[in-house]
């Protein structure tokens, strides 16, 4: 079993993996449930991030870290921006004095 073309950044890990049998890829990265992968199953391996890969073959494994708080912040920002745009572009009421 081997890994090549390894790329690491704070929120993304990618690599080309060749496995001959079911195996677990263990990465020296702290485990957190917000990690997502396109192949296999992410597990906690003694506090480290691991991906259980099943079946023979060559895989392009991609892991992304996107915490749920990111989506909450994104929704709050979009709602706030929409509110700002509404108040900036809303028609102005003309008051008539008799």
N, C-alpha and C. Protein backbone atom coordinates (compact mmCIF):
# COMPACT_ATOMS: atom_id res chain seq x y z
N UNK A 1 0.85 -1.18 0.00
CA UNK A 1 0.00 0.00 0.00
C UNK A 1 0.89 1.24 0.00
N UNK A 2 0.47 2.26 -0.75
CA UNK A 2 1.30 3.46 -0.85
C UNK A 2 0.45 4.70 -1.08
N UNK A 3 1.07 5.85 -0.82
CA UNK A 3 0.43 7.15 -1.08
C UNK A 3 1.44 8.01 -1.82
N UNK A 4 0.95 8.78 -2.78
CA UNK A 4 1.82 9.68 -3.54
C UNK A 4 1.05 10.96 -3.83
N UNK A 5 1.75 11.93 -4.41
CA UNK A 5 1.15 13.23 -4.73
C UNK A 5 0.40 13.80 -3.54
N UNK A 6 1.07 13.82 -2.40
CA UNK A 6 0.44 14.25 -1.15
C UNK A 6 0.45 15.77 -1.08
N UNK A 7 -0.72 16.37 -0.74
CA UNK A 7 -0.85 17.81 -0.56
C UNK A 7 -1.52 18.07 0.79
N UNK A 8 -0.98 19.01 1.55
CA UNK A 8 -1.52 19.31 2.87
C UNK A 8 -1.66 20.80 3.05
N UNK A 9 -2.84 21.25 3.51
CA UNK A 9 -3.06 22.63 3.93
C UNK A 9 -3.91 22.56 5.20
N UNK A 10 -4.11 23.68 5.89
CA UNK A 10 -4.86 23.62 7.15
C UNK A 10 -6.28 23.05 7.04
N UNK A 11 -6.92 23.18 5.89
CA UNK A 11 -8.29 22.68 5.77
C UNK A 11 -8.50 21.71 4.60
N UNK A 12 -7.43 21.26 3.98
CA UNK A 12 -7.55 20.31 2.86
C UNK A 12 -6.34 19.41 2.80
N UNK A 13 -6.61 18.12 2.60
CA UNK A 13 -5.56 17.13 2.42
C UNK A 13 -5.94 16.27 1.22
N UNK A 14 -5.02 16.08 0.30
CA UNK A 14 -5.28 15.22 -0.86
C UNK A 14 -4.09 14.30 -1.08
N UNK A 15 -4.35 13.17 -1.70
CA UNK A 15 -3.28 12.24 -2.03
C UNK A 15 -3.79 11.12 -2.92
N UNK A 16 -2.89 10.56 -3.68
CA UNK A 16 -3.18 9.40 -4.52
C UNK A 16 -2.77 8.16 -3.73
N UNK A 17 -3.74 7.27 -3.50
CA UNK A 17 -3.50 6.08 -2.67
C UNK A 17 -3.69 4.83 -3.51
N UNK A 18 -2.76 3.89 -3.38
CA UNK A 18 -2.88 2.58 -4.01
C UNK A 18 -2.90 1.55 -2.89
N UNK A 19 -4.00 0.75 -2.84
CA UNK A 19 -4.09 -0.27 -1.79
C UNK A 19 -4.32 -1.64 -2.41
N UNK A 20 -3.74 -2.65 -1.77
CA UNK A 20 -3.88 -4.03 -2.23
C UNK A 20 -4.91 -4.80 -1.43
N UNK A 21 -5.29 -4.26 -0.28
CA UNK A 21 -6.29 -4.88 0.59
C UNK A 21 -6.88 -3.78 1.47
N UNK A 22 -7.96 -4.11 2.18
CA UNK A 22 -8.57 -3.13 3.07
C UNK A 22 -7.53 -2.62 4.05
N UNK A 23 -7.47 -1.31 4.20
CA UNK A 23 -6.46 -0.72 5.06
C UNK A 23 -6.97 0.60 5.60
N UNK A 24 -6.23 1.16 6.56
CA UNK A 24 -6.58 2.45 7.15
C UNK A 24 -5.44 3.41 6.92
N UNK A 25 -5.76 4.56 6.37
CA UNK A 25 -4.79 5.63 6.15
C UNK A 25 -4.83 6.53 7.38
N UNK A 26 -3.72 6.61 8.12
CA UNK A 26 -3.65 7.43 9.33
C UNK A 26 -2.80 8.65 9.02
N UNK A 27 -3.34 9.82 9.32
CA UNK A 27 -2.65 11.07 9.05
C UNK A 27 -2.29 11.76 10.35
N UNK A 28 -1.16 12.41 10.37
CA UNK A 28 -0.72 13.14 11.56
C UNK A 28 -1.45 14.49 11.61
N UNK A 29 -2.73 14.41 11.81
CA UNK A 29 -3.62 15.57 11.90
C UNK A 29 -4.64 15.26 12.98
N UNK A 30 -4.92 16.21 13.84
CA UNK A 30 -5.89 15.96 14.91
C UNK A 30 -7.26 15.64 14.33
N UNK A 31 -7.90 14.65 14.93
CA UNK A 31 -9.25 14.25 14.50
C UNK A 31 -10.27 15.28 14.96
N UNK A 32 -11.22 15.55 14.10
CA UNK A 32 -12.38 16.38 14.44
C UNK A 32 -13.53 15.90 13.56
N UNK A 33 -14.76 15.83 14.09
CA UNK A 33 -15.88 15.32 13.30
C UNK A 33 -16.22 16.16 12.06
N UNK A 34 -15.68 17.37 11.95
CA UNK A 34 -15.98 18.22 10.80
C UNK A 34 -15.18 17.86 9.55
N UNK A 35 -14.22 16.94 9.66
CA UNK A 35 -13.50 16.49 8.48
C UNK A 35 -14.44 15.66 7.61
N UNK A 36 -14.36 15.86 6.29
CA UNK A 36 -15.17 15.11 5.33
C UNK A 36 -14.24 14.53 4.27
N UNK A 37 -14.63 13.39 3.69
CA UNK A 37 -13.82 12.77 2.65
C UNK A 37 -14.68 12.30 1.49
N UNK A 38 -14.06 12.16 0.34
CA UNK A 38 -14.78 11.66 -0.84
C UNK A 38 -14.69 10.13 -0.95
N UNK A 39 -13.79 9.50 -0.22
CA UNK A 39 -13.61 8.04 -0.24
C UNK A 39 -13.50 7.51 1.17
N UNK A 40 -14.07 6.37 1.42
CA UNK A 40 -13.89 5.73 2.71
C UNK A 40 -14.68 6.37 3.83
N UNK A 41 -14.28 6.02 5.05
CA UNK A 41 -14.95 6.47 6.26
C UNK A 41 -13.93 7.09 7.20
N UNK A 42 -14.20 8.31 7.65
CA UNK A 42 -13.29 8.99 8.58
C UNK A 42 -13.54 8.48 9.99
N UNK A 43 -12.43 8.19 10.69
CA UNK A 43 -12.50 7.68 12.05
C UNK A 43 -11.44 8.35 12.91
N UNK A 44 -11.66 8.26 14.22
CA UNK A 44 -10.69 8.72 15.21
C UNK A 44 -9.74 7.56 15.50
N UNK A 45 -8.45 7.77 15.29
CA UNK A 45 -7.44 6.75 15.56
C UNK A 45 -6.48 7.30 16.60
N UNK A 46 -6.78 7.06 17.88
CA UNK A 46 -5.96 7.57 18.99
C UNK A 46 -5.76 9.09 18.91
N UNK A 47 -6.82 9.80 18.55
CA UNK A 47 -6.76 11.26 18.46
C UNK A 47 -6.31 11.79 17.12
N UNK A 48 -5.92 10.90 16.22
CA UNK A 48 -5.48 11.32 14.89
C UNK A 48 -6.56 11.03 13.87
N UNK A 49 -6.46 11.70 12.76
CA UNK A 49 -7.41 11.54 11.65
C UNK A 49 -7.05 10.29 10.85
N UNK A 50 -8.04 9.45 10.59
CA UNK A 50 -7.79 8.26 9.78
C UNK A 50 -8.94 8.05 8.81
N UNK A 51 -8.63 7.40 7.69
CA UNK A 51 -9.63 7.08 6.67
C UNK A 51 -9.56 5.59 6.41
N UNK A 52 -10.67 4.91 6.62
CA UNK A 52 -10.72 3.47 6.35
C UNK A 52 -11.08 3.28 4.88
N UNK A 53 -10.18 2.63 4.15
CA UNK A 53 -10.37 2.37 2.72
C UNK A 53 -10.64 0.89 2.52
N UNK A 54 -11.63 0.58 1.72
CA UNK A 54 -12.00 -0.81 1.48
C UNK A 54 -11.82 -1.15 0.01
N UNK A 55 -11.32 -2.32 -0.25
CA UNK A 55 -11.18 -2.80 -1.62
C UNK A 55 -9.87 -2.39 -2.26
N UNK A 56 -9.43 -3.23 -3.18
CA UNK A 56 -8.21 -2.95 -3.93
C UNK A 56 -8.44 -1.81 -4.88
N UNK A 57 -7.36 -1.14 -5.24
CA UNK A 57 -7.48 -0.12 -6.26
C UNK A 57 -6.65 1.12 -5.99
N UNK A 58 -6.78 2.04 -6.90
CA UNK A 58 -6.10 3.32 -6.82
C UNK A 58 -7.16 4.38 -6.56
N UNK A 59 -6.96 5.20 -5.55
CA UNK A 59 -7.93 6.21 -5.17
C UNK A 59 -7.29 7.59 -5.13
N UNK A 60 -8.06 8.58 -5.46
CA UNK A 60 -7.69 9.96 -5.22
C UNK A 60 -8.47 10.39 -3.99
N UNK A 61 -7.81 10.41 -2.84
CA UNK A 61 -8.47 10.71 -1.57
C UNK A 61 -8.38 12.20 -1.30
N UNK A 62 -9.54 12.80 -1.02
CA UNK A 62 -9.60 14.23 -0.71
C UNK A 62 -10.32 14.40 0.63
N UNK A 63 -9.69 15.13 1.53
CA UNK A 63 -10.30 15.43 2.82
C UNK A 63 -10.43 16.94 2.96
N UNK A 64 -11.57 17.40 3.43
CA UNK A 64 -11.83 18.82 3.63
C UNK A 64 -12.31 19.05 5.04
N UNK A 65 -11.86 20.14 5.63
CA UNK A 65 -12.30 20.51 6.97
C UNK A 65 -13.17 21.75 6.86
N UNK A 66 -14.47 21.58 7.11
CA UNK A 66 -15.42 22.69 7.11
C UNK A 66 -16.30 22.54 8.34
N UNK A 67 -16.01 23.30 9.40
CA UNK A 67 -16.82 23.18 10.62
C UNK A 67 -18.23 23.72 10.42
N UNK A 68 -19.17 23.20 11.21
CA UNK A 68 -20.57 23.64 11.11
C UNK A 68 -20.71 25.11 11.42
N UNK A 69 -19.83 25.64 12.27
CA UNK A 69 -19.91 27.06 12.60
C UNK A 69 -19.63 27.93 11.39
N UNK A 70 -18.91 27.42 10.39
CA UNK A 70 -18.68 28.16 9.15
C UNK A 70 -20.00 28.42 8.44
N UNK A 71 -20.84 27.38 8.35
CA UNK A 71 -22.14 27.54 7.68
C UNK A 71 -23.05 28.48 8.45
N UNK A 72 -23.02 28.40 9.78
CA UNK A 72 -23.84 29.31 10.59
C UNK A 72 -23.40 30.75 10.36
N UNK A 73 -22.10 31.01 10.37
CA UNK A 73 -21.58 32.34 10.11
C UNK A 73 -21.90 32.82 8.72
N UNK A 74 -21.84 31.92 7.75
CA UNK A 74 -22.16 32.27 6.37
C UNK A 74 -23.62 32.70 6.24
N UNK A 75 -24.53 31.97 6.87
CA UNK A 75 -25.96 32.31 6.81
C UNK A 75 -26.21 33.66 7.49
N UNK A 76 -25.61 33.89 8.64
CA UNK A 76 -25.78 35.17 9.33
C UNK A 76 -25.25 36.32 8.47
N UNK A 77 -24.11 36.12 7.82
CA UNK A 77 -23.55 37.16 6.96
C UNK A 77 -24.44 37.45 5.77
N UNK A 78 -24.99 36.43 5.13
CA UNK A 78 -25.86 36.63 3.97
C UNK A 78 -27.14 37.36 4.38
N UNK A 79 -27.74 36.96 5.50
CA UNK A 79 -28.95 37.62 5.97
C UNK A 79 -28.66 39.08 6.31
N UNK A 80 -27.55 39.33 6.97
CA UNK A 80 -27.16 40.71 7.31
C UNK A 80 -26.91 41.55 6.08
N UNK A 81 -26.26 40.99 5.09
CA UNK A 81 -25.99 41.71 3.84
C UNK A 81 -27.29 42.01 3.09
N UNK A 82 -28.21 41.03 3.06
CA UNK A 82 -29.50 41.24 2.40
C UNK A 82 -30.29 42.34 3.11
N UNK A 83 -30.25 42.36 4.43
CA UNK A 83 -30.93 43.39 5.22
C UNK A 83 -30.34 44.77 4.91
N UNK A 84 -29.03 44.83 4.82
CA UNK A 84 -28.35 46.09 4.49
C UNK A 84 -28.74 46.56 3.10
N UNK A 85 -28.74 45.67 2.12
CA UNK A 85 -29.14 46.05 0.76
C UNK A 85 -30.59 46.53 0.70
N UNK A 86 -31.47 45.85 1.43
CA UNK A 86 -32.87 46.25 1.45
C UNK A 86 -33.02 47.69 1.96
N UNK A 87 -32.35 48.01 3.05
CA UNK A 87 -32.47 49.36 3.61
C UNK A 87 -31.76 50.40 2.76
N UNK A 88 -30.76 50.01 2.02
CA UNK A 88 -30.05 50.95 1.18
C UNK A 88 -30.85 51.28 -0.08
N UNK A 89 -31.53 50.27 -0.65
CA UNK A 89 -32.24 50.46 -1.91
C UNK A 89 -33.76 50.58 -1.77
N UNK A 90 -34.30 50.53 -0.58
CA UNK A 90 -35.75 50.60 -0.45
C UNK A 90 -36.24 51.97 -0.88
N UNK A 91 -37.45 52.03 -1.46
CA UNK A 91 -37.99 53.32 -1.90
C UNK A 91 -38.24 54.22 -0.69
N UNK A 92 -37.93 55.48 -0.93
CA UNK A 92 -38.14 56.43 0.15
C UNK A 92 -39.58 56.92 0.13
N UNK A 93 -40.18 56.97 1.28
CA UNK A 93 -41.57 57.44 1.38
C UNK A 93 -41.58 58.97 1.39
N UNK A 94 -42.38 59.54 0.49
CA UNK A 94 -42.51 60.99 0.47
C UNK A 94 -43.70 61.37 1.33
N UNK A 95 -43.46 62.25 2.25
CA UNK A 95 -44.54 62.69 3.11
C UNK A 95 -45.11 63.98 2.54
N UNK A 96 -46.44 64.02 2.50
CA UNK A 96 -47.10 65.23 2.00
C UNK A 96 -47.68 66.00 3.17
N UNK A 97 -47.43 67.22 3.15
CA UNK A 97 -47.99 68.09 4.20
C UNK A 97 -49.15 68.87 3.61
N UNK A 98 -50.26 68.90 4.28
CA UNK A 98 -51.42 69.64 3.78
C UNK A 98 -51.43 71.03 4.30
